[in-house]
Amino acid sequence: MLSAAAGASVLSACASSTPASKPSASLRVSGTVAYRERIALDPAAEVVVQLLDVSRMDAPSVTLAEQRIKANGRQPPFAYELQVDAARIDPRMRYAVSARIVRGEQLLFINDTQYPVLTQGGGTAANLVLVRVTPSPPSPR
């Protein structure tokens, strides 16, 4: 009877290692976010980095991963790492990394260049250089 119980436990262990129960592989995209201006970043600022599916021309990008980094007095460059389930990446599609720096609802810096990653010759690293957003003048009343 003991050998039957041991055999059942071995069978159950084998059953748990079927391909359907394997954890999915993940891909990582990493790099830095910086800007050229010699301006100290407000301690209340936040860096938002996103991995986007930019394949469809007539539709908004789809966000696959996002990382938010609070400045807390630190200055650029900021290192980031985005992780995405490999099953969500289609080699026929196009993906890019995007970043912006905000303070509350105010946009301070944004990328004006596309940084392709993962497919169609894009790698797994992108060092983003952001440009300063000039505040719009107040509207006349």
N, C-alpha and C. Protein backbone atom coordinates (compact mmCIF):
# COMPACT_ATOMS: atom_id res chain seq x y z
N MET A 1 0.80 -1.19 0.00
CA MET A 1 0.00 0.00 0.00
C MET A 1 0.85 1.26 0.00
N LEU A 2 1.98 1.19 0.67
CA LEU A 2 2.88 2.33 0.72
C LEU A 2 3.41 2.65 -0.68
N SER A 3 3.74 1.62 -1.47
CA SER A 3 4.28 1.86 -2.81
C SER A 3 3.20 2.46 -3.72
N ALA A 4 1.94 2.12 -3.51
CA ALA A 4 0.86 2.71 -4.31
C ALA A 4 0.73 4.20 -4.01
N ALA A 5 0.86 4.58 -2.72
CA ALA A 5 0.78 5.99 -2.35
C ALA A 5 1.98 6.75 -2.92
N ALA A 6 3.17 6.13 -2.88
CA ALA A 6 4.36 6.78 -3.43
C ALA A 6 4.21 6.95 -4.94
N GLY A 7 3.66 5.94 -5.60
CA GLY A 7 3.44 6.02 -7.05
C GLY A 7 2.45 7.11 -7.40
N ALA A 8 1.41 7.26 -6.60
CA ALA A 8 0.41 8.30 -6.84
C ALA A 8 1.02 9.69 -6.68
N SER A 9 1.91 9.85 -5.68
CA SER A 9 2.53 11.16 -5.48
C SER A 9 3.49 11.49 -6.62
N VAL A 10 4.20 10.47 -7.15
CA VAL A 10 5.08 10.70 -8.29
C VAL A 10 4.27 11.10 -9.51
N LEU A 11 3.13 10.42 -9.73
CA LEU A 11 2.28 10.76 -10.86
C LEU A 11 1.72 12.17 -10.74
N SER A 12 1.33 12.56 -9.53
CA SER A 12 0.79 13.91 -9.37
C SER A 12 1.88 14.95 -9.58
N ALA A 13 3.12 14.64 -9.19
CA ALA A 13 4.23 15.57 -9.42
C ALA A 13 4.49 15.71 -10.91
N CYS A 14 4.41 14.61 -11.64
CA CYS A 14 4.60 14.67 -13.10
C CYS A 14 3.48 15.48 -13.75
N ALA A 15 2.28 15.31 -13.27
CA ALA A 15 1.14 16.01 -13.86
C ALA A 15 1.26 17.51 -13.65
N SER A 16 1.89 17.94 -12.55
CA SER A 16 1.98 19.37 -12.29
C SER A 16 3.04 20.06 -13.15
N SER A 17 3.87 19.28 -13.85
CA SER A 17 4.90 19.91 -14.69
C SER A 17 4.53 19.89 -16.16
N THR A 18 3.26 19.82 -16.47
CA THR A 18 2.82 19.85 -17.86
C THR A 18 3.05 21.24 -18.43
N PRO A 19 3.17 21.38 -19.74
CA PRO A 19 3.42 22.68 -20.34
C PRO A 19 2.36 23.73 -19.99
N ALA A 20 1.13 23.33 -19.78
CA ALA A 20 0.07 24.29 -19.47
C ALA A 20 0.31 24.98 -18.13
N SER A 21 1.04 24.33 -17.21
CA SER A 21 1.24 24.93 -15.91
C SER A 21 2.57 25.66 -15.78
N LYS A 22 3.39 25.65 -16.86
CA LYS A 22 4.66 26.35 -16.81
C LYS A 22 4.42 27.85 -16.75
N PRO A 23 5.20 28.57 -15.95
CA PRO A 23 5.04 30.02 -15.96
C PRO A 23 5.52 30.58 -17.29
N SER A 24 4.87 31.59 -17.76
CA SER A 24 5.20 32.20 -19.04
C SER A 24 6.50 32.98 -18.92
N ALA A 25 7.29 32.96 -19.99
CA ALA A 25 8.54 33.71 -20.00
C ALA A 25 8.24 35.20 -20.11
N SER A 26 9.12 36.00 -19.56
CA SER A 26 8.92 37.45 -19.66
C SER A 26 10.11 38.08 -20.37
N LEU A 27 9.85 39.18 -21.01
CA LEU A 27 10.89 39.96 -21.67
C LEU A 27 11.10 41.23 -20.88
N ARG A 28 12.33 41.71 -20.88
CA ARG A 28 12.67 42.94 -20.15
C ARG A 28 13.22 43.96 -21.13
N VAL A 29 12.77 45.18 -20.98
CA VAL A 29 13.31 46.31 -21.73
C VAL A 29 13.84 47.28 -20.69
N SER A 30 15.08 47.72 -20.85
CA SER A 30 15.67 48.60 -19.85
C SER A 30 16.46 49.71 -20.53
N GLY A 31 16.83 50.69 -19.72
CA GLY A 31 17.61 51.80 -20.23
C GLY A 31 17.56 52.96 -19.25
N THR A 32 17.76 54.16 -19.78
CA THR A 32 17.75 55.36 -18.95
C THR A 32 16.85 56.42 -19.56
N VAL A 33 16.44 57.35 -18.72
CA VAL A 33 15.67 58.51 -19.14
C VAL A 33 16.44 59.74 -18.69
N ALA A 34 16.70 60.66 -19.61
CA ALA A 34 17.44 61.88 -19.29
C ALA A 34 16.94 63.01 -20.17
N TYR A 35 17.45 64.21 -19.92
CA TYR A 35 17.20 65.36 -20.80
C TYR A 35 18.47 66.18 -20.86
N ARG A 36 18.59 67.03 -21.90
CA ARG A 36 19.83 67.78 -22.12
C ARG A 36 19.92 69.07 -21.32
N GLU A 37 18.80 69.68 -21.01
CA GLU A 37 18.82 70.96 -20.30
C GLU A 37 19.50 70.82 -18.95
N ARG A 38 20.20 71.86 -18.57
CA ARG A 38 20.86 71.86 -17.25
C ARG A 38 19.92 72.51 -16.25
N ILE A 39 18.86 71.80 -15.96
CA ILE A 39 17.81 72.27 -15.05
C ILE A 39 17.64 71.23 -13.96
N ALA A 40 17.63 71.67 -12.72
CA ALA A 40 17.38 70.73 -11.62
C ALA A 40 15.91 70.31 -11.68
N LEU A 41 15.68 69.04 -11.52
CA LEU A 41 14.32 68.51 -11.56
C LEU A 41 13.65 68.72 -10.21
N ASP A 42 12.42 69.19 -10.26
CA ASP A 42 11.62 69.40 -9.06
C ASP A 42 11.51 68.09 -8.28
N PRO A 43 11.73 68.09 -6.96
CA PRO A 43 11.65 66.86 -6.17
C PRO A 43 10.28 66.19 -6.24
N ALA A 44 9.23 66.95 -6.56
CA ALA A 44 7.88 66.39 -6.66
C ALA A 44 7.60 65.76 -8.02
N ALA A 45 8.55 65.83 -8.95
CA ALA A 45 8.34 65.30 -10.30
C ALA A 45 8.31 63.77 -10.29
N GLU A 46 7.69 63.24 -11.34
CA GLU A 46 7.60 61.79 -11.50
C GLU A 46 7.93 61.44 -12.95
N VAL A 47 8.75 60.41 -13.14
CA VAL A 47 9.10 59.92 -14.47
C VAL A 47 8.17 58.75 -14.77
N VAL A 48 7.52 58.79 -15.93
CA VAL A 48 6.60 57.73 -16.34
C VAL A 48 7.16 57.12 -17.63
N VAL A 49 7.50 55.83 -17.58
CA VAL A 49 8.06 55.13 -18.74
C VAL A 49 7.07 54.03 -19.13
N GLN A 50 6.80 53.92 -20.44
CA GLN A 50 5.83 52.94 -20.91
C GLN A 50 6.38 52.15 -22.09
N LEU A 51 6.02 50.87 -22.14
CA LEU A 51 6.26 50.03 -23.31
C LEU A 51 4.94 50.00 -24.07
N LEU A 52 4.97 50.44 -25.34
CA LEU A 52 3.75 50.60 -26.12
C LEU A 52 3.75 49.73 -27.36
N ASP A 53 2.57 49.23 -27.72
CA ASP A 53 2.36 48.60 -29.02
C ASP A 53 1.94 49.74 -29.95
N VAL A 54 2.80 50.08 -30.90
CA VAL A 54 2.55 51.21 -31.80
C VAL A 54 2.28 50.72 -33.23
N SER A 55 1.77 49.53 -33.37
CA SER A 55 1.58 48.90 -34.67
C SER A 55 0.47 49.52 -35.51
N ARG A 56 -0.59 49.91 -34.89
CA ARG A 56 -1.76 50.38 -35.63
C ARG A 56 -1.71 51.88 -35.84
N MET A 57 -1.74 52.29 -37.10
CA MET A 57 -1.62 53.71 -37.44
C MET A 57 -2.85 54.52 -37.04
N ASP A 58 -4.03 53.96 -37.18
CA ASP A 58 -5.26 54.72 -36.95
C ASP A 58 -5.89 54.46 -35.59
N ALA A 59 -5.09 53.97 -34.67
CA ALA A 59 -5.61 53.66 -33.34
C ALA A 59 -4.60 54.10 -32.28
N PRO A 60 -5.07 54.38 -31.08
CA PRO A 60 -4.14 54.75 -30.02
C PRO A 60 -3.20 53.59 -29.68
N SER A 61 -2.02 53.92 -29.20
CA SER A 61 -1.07 52.90 -28.76
C SER A 61 -1.65 52.13 -27.58
N VAL A 62 -1.24 50.88 -27.46
CA VAL A 62 -1.67 50.04 -26.34
C VAL A 62 -0.50 49.94 -25.37
N THR A 63 -0.73 50.26 -24.10
CA THR A 63 0.32 50.19 -23.08
C THR A 63 0.44 48.75 -22.59
N LEU A 64 1.65 48.18 -22.73
CA LEU A 64 1.90 46.80 -22.29
C LEU A 64 2.57 46.75 -20.92
N ALA A 65 3.33 47.79 -20.58
CA ALA A 65 4.01 47.85 -19.28
C ALA A 65 4.28 49.31 -18.95
N GLU A 66 4.31 49.61 -17.65
CA GLU A 66 4.56 50.98 -17.21
C GLU A 66 5.34 50.96 -15.91
N GLN A 67 6.26 51.92 -15.79
CA GLN A 67 7.00 52.10 -14.53
C GLN A 67 6.95 53.58 -14.19
N ARG A 68 6.66 53.87 -12.92
CA ARG A 68 6.66 55.26 -12.42
C ARG A 68 7.78 55.40 -11.41
N ILE A 69 8.58 56.45 -11.60
CA ILE A 69 9.74 56.69 -10.73
C ILE A 69 9.60 58.08 -10.13
N LYS A 70 9.49 58.16 -8.82
CA LYS A 70 9.41 59.45 -8.14
C LYS A 70 10.83 60.04 -8.05
N ALA A 71 10.95 61.31 -8.38
CA ALA A 71 12.27 61.95 -8.38
C ALA A 71 12.82 62.04 -6.96
N ASN A 72 12.01 62.50 -6.01
CA ASN A 72 12.45 62.62 -4.62
C ASN A 72 13.82 63.27 -4.48
N GLY A 73 14.07 64.32 -5.27
CA GLY A 73 15.33 65.04 -5.19
C GLY A 73 16.45 64.48 -6.05
N ARG A 74 16.28 63.29 -6.62
CA ARG A 74 17.30 62.73 -7.51
C ARG A 74 17.24 63.45 -8.86
N GLN A 75 18.32 63.39 -9.60
CA GLN A 75 18.40 64.03 -10.91
C GLN A 75 18.69 62.98 -11.98
N PRO A 76 18.37 63.31 -13.25
CA PRO A 76 18.60 62.36 -14.33
C PRO A 76 20.09 62.05 -14.49
N PRO A 77 20.41 60.93 -15.10
CA PRO A 77 19.51 59.97 -15.73
C PRO A 77 18.85 59.03 -14.72
N PHE A 78 17.64 58.58 -15.07
CA PHE A 78 16.88 57.64 -14.26
C PHE A 78 16.90 56.29 -14.98
N ALA A 79 17.27 55.24 -14.27
CA ALA A 79 17.26 53.90 -14.85
C ALA A 79 15.84 53.32 -14.75
N TYR A 80 15.42 52.62 -15.79
CA TYR A 80 14.12 51.97 -15.77
C TYR A 80 14.25 50.53 -16.25
N GLU A 81 13.27 49.72 -15.91
CA GLU A 81 13.17 48.35 -16.42
C GLU A 81 11.70 47.99 -16.53
N LEU A 82 11.29 47.64 -17.73
CA LEU A 82 9.91 47.25 -18.00
C LEU A 82 9.88 45.76 -18.30
N GLN A 83 8.90 45.09 -17.76
CA GLN A 83 8.77 43.65 -17.94
C GLN A 83 7.43 43.35 -18.58
N VAL A 84 7.42 42.47 -19.59
CA VAL A 84 6.19 42.12 -20.28
C VAL A 84 6.19 40.62 -20.56
N ASP A 85 5.02 40.02 -20.53
CA ASP A 85 4.86 38.61 -20.84
C ASP A 85 5.23 38.40 -22.31
N ALA A 86 6.15 37.50 -22.58
CA ALA A 86 6.63 37.25 -23.95
C ALA A 86 5.49 36.83 -24.87
N ALA A 87 4.47 36.20 -24.34
CA ALA A 87 3.33 35.77 -25.15
C ALA A 87 2.55 36.96 -25.73
N ARG A 88 2.72 38.15 -25.14
CA ARG A 88 2.00 39.33 -25.63
C ARG A 88 2.74 40.03 -26.78
N ILE A 89 3.96 39.58 -27.09
CA ILE A 89 4.75 40.20 -28.14
C ILE A 89 4.62 39.41 -29.43
N ASP A 90 4.15 40.08 -30.48
CA ASP A 90 3.97 39.48 -31.80
C ASP A 90 5.10 40.01 -32.69
N PRO A 91 5.94 39.14 -33.26
CA PRO A 91 7.07 39.61 -34.06
C PRO A 91 6.66 40.46 -35.27
N ARG A 92 5.40 40.36 -35.70
CA ARG A 92 4.93 41.16 -36.84
C ARG A 92 4.58 42.59 -36.44
N MET A 93 4.42 42.84 -35.15
CA MET A 93 3.99 44.15 -34.67
C MET A 93 5.20 45.02 -34.32
N ARG A 94 4.93 46.31 -34.05
CA ARG A 94 5.98 47.26 -33.68
C ARG A 94 5.76 47.73 -32.25
N TYR A 95 6.87 47.84 -31.49
CA TYR A 95 6.81 48.25 -30.09
C TYR A 95 7.82 49.38 -29.87
N ALA A 96 7.49 50.27 -28.94
CA ALA A 96 8.37 51.40 -28.64
C ALA A 96 8.29 51.72 -27.16
N VAL A 97 9.34 52.37 -26.67
CA VAL A 97 9.37 52.86 -25.29
C VAL A 97 9.14 54.37 -25.35
N SER A 98 8.32 54.84 -24.44
CA SER A 98 7.98 56.25 -24.36
C SER A 98 8.17 56.71 -22.92
N ALA A 99 8.51 57.99 -22.73
CA ALA A 99 8.67 58.50 -21.37
C ALA A 99 8.22 59.95 -21.30
N ARG A 100 7.83 60.33 -20.12
CA ARG A 100 7.49 61.73 -19.85
C ARG A 100 7.81 62.01 -18.38
N ILE A 101 8.04 63.27 -18.08
CA ILE A 101 8.24 63.69 -16.70
C ILE A 101 7.14 64.68 -16.38
N VAL A 102 6.43 64.42 -15.31
CA VAL A 102 5.30 65.26 -14.91
C VAL A 102 5.48 65.73 -13.47
N ARG A 103 4.82 66.83 -13.17
CA ARG A 103 4.71 67.31 -11.79
C ARG A 103 3.22 67.54 -11.59
N GLY A 104 2.59 66.62 -10.88
CA GLY A 104 1.13 66.66 -10.75
C GLY A 104 0.53 66.42 -12.13
N GLU A 105 -0.29 67.35 -12.61
CA GLU A 105 -0.89 67.25 -13.94
C GLU A 105 -0.08 67.98 -15.00
N GLN A 106 1.00 68.66 -14.59
CA GLN A 106 1.80 69.46 -15.53
C GLN A 106 2.88 68.62 -16.20
N LEU A 107 2.87 68.62 -17.53
CA LEU A 107 3.87 67.91 -18.32
C LEU A 107 5.12 68.78 -18.41
N LEU A 108 6.27 68.24 -17.98
CA LEU A 108 7.53 68.99 -17.99
C LEU A 108 8.43 68.59 -19.16
N PHE A 109 8.59 67.29 -19.39
CA PHE A 109 9.45 66.75 -20.45
C PHE A 109 8.74 65.57 -21.11
N ILE A 110 9.04 65.36 -22.40
CA ILE A 110 8.47 64.23 -23.14
C ILE A 110 9.44 63.84 -24.25
N ASN A 111 9.36 62.60 -24.72
CA ASN A 111 10.21 62.21 -25.85
C ASN A 111 9.54 62.66 -27.16
N ASP A 112 10.35 63.18 -28.07
CA ASP A 112 9.83 63.58 -29.38
C ASP A 112 10.39 62.68 -30.48
N THR A 113 11.05 61.62 -30.07
CA THR A 113 11.62 60.63 -30.98
C THR A 113 11.09 59.26 -30.59
N GLN A 114 10.81 58.42 -31.59
CA GLN A 114 10.34 57.08 -31.26
C GLN A 114 11.55 56.18 -30.99
N TYR A 115 11.45 55.37 -29.95
CA TYR A 115 12.51 54.45 -29.55
C TYR A 115 12.00 53.02 -29.72
N PRO A 116 12.21 52.41 -30.92
CA PRO A 116 11.70 51.06 -31.17
C PRO A 116 12.46 50.01 -30.37
N VAL A 117 11.73 48.99 -29.92
CA VAL A 117 12.32 47.89 -29.16
C VAL A 117 11.66 46.57 -29.55
N LEU A 118 12.31 45.48 -29.20
CA LEU A 118 11.83 44.10 -29.23
C LEU A 118 11.67 43.46 -30.60
N THR A 119 11.08 44.12 -31.58
CA THR A 119 10.85 43.49 -32.88
C THR A 119 11.39 44.37 -34.00
N GLN A 120 11.47 43.79 -35.17
CA GLN A 120 11.88 44.52 -36.38
C GLN A 120 13.21 45.26 -36.18
N GLY A 121 14.16 44.57 -35.59
CA GLY A 121 15.49 45.13 -35.40
C GLY A 121 15.69 45.89 -34.10
N GLY A 122 14.63 46.10 -33.34
CA GLY A 122 14.75 46.78 -32.05
C GLY A 122 15.29 45.82 -31.00
N GLY A 123 16.13 46.31 -30.13
CA GLY A 123 16.72 45.47 -29.09
C GLY A 123 15.89 45.51 -27.81
N THR A 124 16.56 45.27 -26.71
CA THR A 124 15.88 45.27 -25.40
C THR A 124 16.37 46.43 -24.53
N ALA A 125 17.08 47.39 -25.14
CA ALA A 125 17.55 48.55 -24.38
C ALA A 125 17.27 49.82 -25.18
N ALA A 126 16.91 50.86 -24.45
CA ALA A 126 16.69 52.17 -25.08
C ALA A 126 17.01 53.26 -24.06
N ASN A 127 17.91 54.15 -24.43
CA ASN A 127 18.24 55.30 -23.59
C ASN A 127 17.51 56.51 -24.17
N LEU A 128 16.50 56.96 -23.45
CA LEU A 128 15.62 58.01 -23.94
C LEU A 128 16.12 59.39 -23.55
N VAL A 129 16.09 60.31 -24.51
CA VAL A 129 16.43 61.71 -24.25
C VAL A 129 15.14 62.50 -24.47
N LEU A 130 14.69 63.17 -23.41
CA LEU A 130 13.44 63.91 -23.46
C LEU A 130 13.70 65.37 -23.80
N VAL A 131 12.65 66.05 -24.28
CA VAL A 131 12.73 67.49 -24.56
C VAL A 131 11.79 68.21 -23.61
N ARG A 132 12.17 69.43 -23.30
CA ARG A 132 11.38 70.25 -22.39
C ARG A 132 10.11 70.73 -23.08
N VAL A 133 9.02 70.70 -22.34
CA VAL A 133 7.75 71.20 -22.84
C VAL A 133 7.60 72.63 -22.36
N THR A 134 7.43 73.54 -23.30
CA THR A 134 7.25 74.94 -22.90
C THR A 134 5.80 75.16 -22.54
N PRO A 135 5.55 75.76 -21.41
CA PRO A 135 4.16 75.99 -21.01
C PRO A 135 3.47 76.93 -21.98
N SER A 136 2.23 76.65 -22.27
CA SER A 136 1.48 77.51 -23.17
C SER A 136 1.08 78.80 -22.42
N PRO A 137 1.07 79.90 -23.14
CA PRO A 137 0.70 81.17 -22.48
C PRO A 137 -0.76 81.14 -22.05
N PRO A 138 -1.10 81.87 -21.01
CA PRO A 138 -2.48 81.88 -20.57
C PRO A 138 -3.38 82.49 -21.65
N SER A 139 -4.56 81.95 -21.76
CA SER A 139 -5.48 82.44 -22.78
C SER A 139 -6.06 83.79 -22.36
N PRO A 140 -6.19 84.73 -23.34
CA PRO A 140 -6.75 86.05 -22.99
C PRO A 140 -8.22 85.94 -22.63
N ARG A 141 -8.65 86.80 -21.74
CA ARG A 141 -10.05 86.73 -21.29
C ARG A 141 -10.82 87.87 -21.82
